Amino acid sequence: SKKVTIHTTTGNREFYGKLSDVAKYVTDYNFISIHKSYLVNFVYIDIIRHSEVILTNGEILPISNSHKEVVQKFVVAALQGKKAAQ
């Protein structure tokens, strides 16, 4: 287990666990894995570039090579109003 930090609009929460366990609970809430270290709520993504996302708060996060295809599929599905399979 590692320290997991959840950033919210009201503050940060920390606990020890696995990000993969958190991912199981949040995929129905527009969260997408963009990197082995990051789950992001799609609602708070302002810009998606080839290798990074820019959040509405201006924070820039990397998209790993292994997650680029998943991110692209998620974006296409979101634009079409569908739920993407991760």
C-alpha atoms as a PDB file:
ATOM      1  CA  SER A   1       0.000   0.000   0.000  1.00  0.00           C
ATOM      2  CA  LYS A   2       1.094   3.511  -0.805  1.00  0.00           C
ATOM      3  CA  LYS A   3      -0.200   6.886   0.256  1.00  0.00           C
ATOM      4  CA  VAL A   4      -3.116   7.939  -1.953  1.00  0.00           C
ATOM      5  CA  THR A   5      -4.005  11.623  -2.096  1.00  0.00           C
ATOM      6  CA  ILE A   6      -7.413  12.665  -3.331  1.00  0.00           C
ATOM      7  CA  HIS A   7      -7.653  16.284  -4.451  1.00  0.00           C
ATOM      8  CA  THR A   8     -11.153  17.738  -4.248  1.00  0.00           C
ATOM      9  CA  THR A   9     -12.652  21.185  -4.609  1.00  0.00           C
ATOM     10  CA  THR A  10     -12.945  21.335  -0.822  1.00  0.00           C
ATOM     11  CA  GLY A  11      -9.474  20.075   0.099  1.00  0.00           C
ATOM     12  CA  ASN A  12      -7.223  17.041   0.057  1.00  0.00           C
ATOM     13  CA  ARG A  13      -7.663  13.672   1.719  1.00  0.00           C
ATOM     14  CA  GLU A  14      -4.888  11.130   2.258  1.00  0.00           C
ATOM     15  CA  PHE A  15      -4.951   7.469   3.135  1.00  0.00           C
ATOM     16  CA  TYR A  16      -2.917   4.338   2.544  1.00  0.00           C
ATOM     17  CA  GLY A  17      -4.170   2.004  -0.145  1.00  0.00           C
ATOM     18  CA  LYS A  18      -3.989   1.174  -3.816  1.00  0.00           C
ATOM     19  CA  LEU A  19      -5.008   3.507  -6.594  1.00  0.00           C
ATOM     20  CA  SER A  20      -6.309   0.498  -8.510  1.00  0.00           C
ATOM     21  CA  ASP A  21      -8.779  -0.148  -5.666  1.00  0.00           C
ATOM     22  CA  VAL A  22      -9.953   3.464  -5.785  1.00  0.00           C
ATOM     23  CA  ALA A  23     -10.372   3.184  -9.566  1.00  0.00           C
ATOM     24  CA  LYS A  24     -12.873   0.353  -9.131  1.00  0.00           C
ATOM     25  CA  TYR A  25     -15.166   2.645  -7.157  1.00  0.00           C
ATOM     26  CA  VAL A  26     -14.970   5.813  -9.263  1.00  0.00           C
ATOM     27  CA  THR A  27     -15.176   4.649 -12.890  1.00  0.00           C
ATOM     28  CA  ASP A  28     -18.947   5.238 -12.880  1.00  0.00           C
ATOM     29  CA  TYR A  29     -18.314   8.864 -11.891  1.00  0.00           C
ATOM     30  CA  ASN A  30     -16.417  10.053 -14.994  1.00  0.00           C
ATOM     31  CA  PHE A  31     -12.967   9.188 -13.646  1.00  0.00           C
ATOM     32  CA  ILE A  32     -10.311   8.017 -16.053  1.00  0.00           C
ATOM     33  CA  SER A  33      -6.822   6.663 -15.466  1.00  0.00           C
ATOM     34  CA  ILE A  34      -4.362   8.800 -17.412  1.00  0.00           C
ATOM     35  CA  HIS A  35      -1.228   7.401 -15.783  1.00  0.00           C
ATOM     36  CA  LYS A  36      -0.416   4.704 -13.239  1.00  0.00           C
ATOM     37  CA  SER A  37      -0.301   7.473 -10.635  1.00  0.00           C
ATOM     38  CA  TYR A  38      -3.324   9.550 -11.672  1.00  0.00           C
ATOM     39  CA  LEU A  39      -7.077   9.143 -11.816  1.00  0.00           C
ATOM     40  CA  VAL A  40      -8.808  12.266 -13.100  1.00  0.00           C
ATOM     41  CA  ASN A  41     -12.442  13.288 -13.138  1.00  0.00           C
ATOM     42  CA  PHE A  42     -13.200  14.043 -16.791  1.00  0.00           C
ATOM     43  CA  VAL A  43     -15.428  16.945 -15.729  1.00  0.00           C
ATOM     44  CA  TYR A  44     -12.368  18.814 -14.455  1.00  0.00           C
ATOM     45  CA  ILE A  45     -10.243  18.382 -17.579  1.00  0.00           C
ATOM     46  CA  ASP A  46     -10.008  21.626 -19.518  1.00  0.00           C
ATOM     47  CA  ILE A  47      -7.593  20.625 -22.310  1.00  0.00           C
ATOM     48  CA  ILE A  48      -6.325  17.260 -23.515  1.00  0.00           C
ATOM     49  CA  ARG A  49      -3.083  17.252 -25.437  1.00  0.00           C
ATOM     50  CA  HIS A  50      -1.100  14.369 -26.888  1.00  0.00           C
ATOM     51  CA  SER A  51       0.833  13.655 -23.700  1.00  0.00           C
ATOM     52  CA  GLU A  52      -0.846  15.732 -21.000  1.00  0.00           C
ATOM     53  CA  VAL A  53      -4.099  17.050 -19.616  1.00  0.00           C
ATOM     54  CA  ILE A  54      -4.668  20.504 -18.227  1.00  0.00           C
ATOM     55  CA  LEU A  55      -7.207  20.645 -15.432  1.00  0.00           C
ATOM     56  CA  THR A  56      -9.658  23.478 -14.873  1.00  0.00           C
ATOM     57  CA  ASN A  57      -7.455  24.685 -11.988  1.00  0.00           C
ATOM     58  CA  GLY A  58      -4.464  24.990 -14.379  1.00  0.00           C
ATOM     59  CA  GLU A  59      -2.623  21.922 -13.101  1.00  0.00           C
ATOM     60  CA  ILE A  60      -0.862  19.925 -15.828  1.00  0.00           C
ATOM     61  CA  LEU A  61      -0.739  16.128 -15.533  1.00  0.00           C
ATOM     62  CA  PRO A  62       1.029  13.651 -17.827  1.00  0.00           C
ATOM     63  CA  ILE A  63      -0.718  11.018 -19.910  1.00  0.00           C
ATOM     64  CA  SER A  64       1.482   7.935 -20.010  1.00  0.00           C
ATOM     65  CA  ASN A  65       2.106   6.183 -23.321  1.00  0.00           C
ATOM     66  CA  SER A  66       0.330   3.095 -22.043  1.00  0.00           C
ATOM     67  CA  HIS A  67      -2.833   5.121 -21.257  1.00  0.00           C
ATOM     68  CA  LYS A  68      -3.067   7.284 -24.404  1.00  0.00           C
ATOM     69  CA  GLU A  69      -5.342   4.901 -26.297  1.00  0.00           C
ATOM     70  CA  VAL A  70      -7.694   4.546 -23.321  1.00  0.00           C
ATOM     71  CA  VAL A  71      -7.849   8.326 -22.932  1.00  0.00           C
ATOM     72  CA  GLN A  72      -8.627   8.777 -26.633  1.00  0.00           C
ATOM     73  CA  LYS A  73     -11.407   6.176 -26.496  1.00  0.00           C
ATOM     74  CA  PHE A  74     -12.840   7.752 -23.358  1.00  0.00           C
ATOM     75  CA  VAL A  75     -12.906  11.199 -24.961  1.00  0.00           C
ATOM     76  CA  VAL A  76     -14.593   9.933 -28.113  1.00  0.00           C
ATOM     77  CA  ALA A  77     -17.179   8.032 -26.073  1.00  0.00           C
ATOM     78  CA  ALA A  78     -17.800  11.060 -23.834  1.00  0.00           C
ATOM     79  CA  LEU A  79     -18.314  13.302 -26.844  1.00  0.00           C
ATOM     80  CA  GLN A  80     -20.784  10.793 -28.237  1.00  0.00           C
ATOM     81  CA  GLY A  81     -22.582  10.574 -24.894  1.00  0.00           C
ATOM     82  CA  LYS A  82     -21.602   6.962 -24.228  1.00  0.00           C
ATOM     83  CA  LYS A  83     -19.785   5.245 -21.393  1.00  0.00           C
ATOM     84  CA  ALA A  84     -16.305   4.122 -22.413  1.00  0.00           C
ATOM     85  CA  ALA A  85     -15.016   0.704 -21.437  1.00  0.00           C
ATOM     86  CA  GLN A  86     -11.736   0.975 -19.579  1.00  0.00           C
END
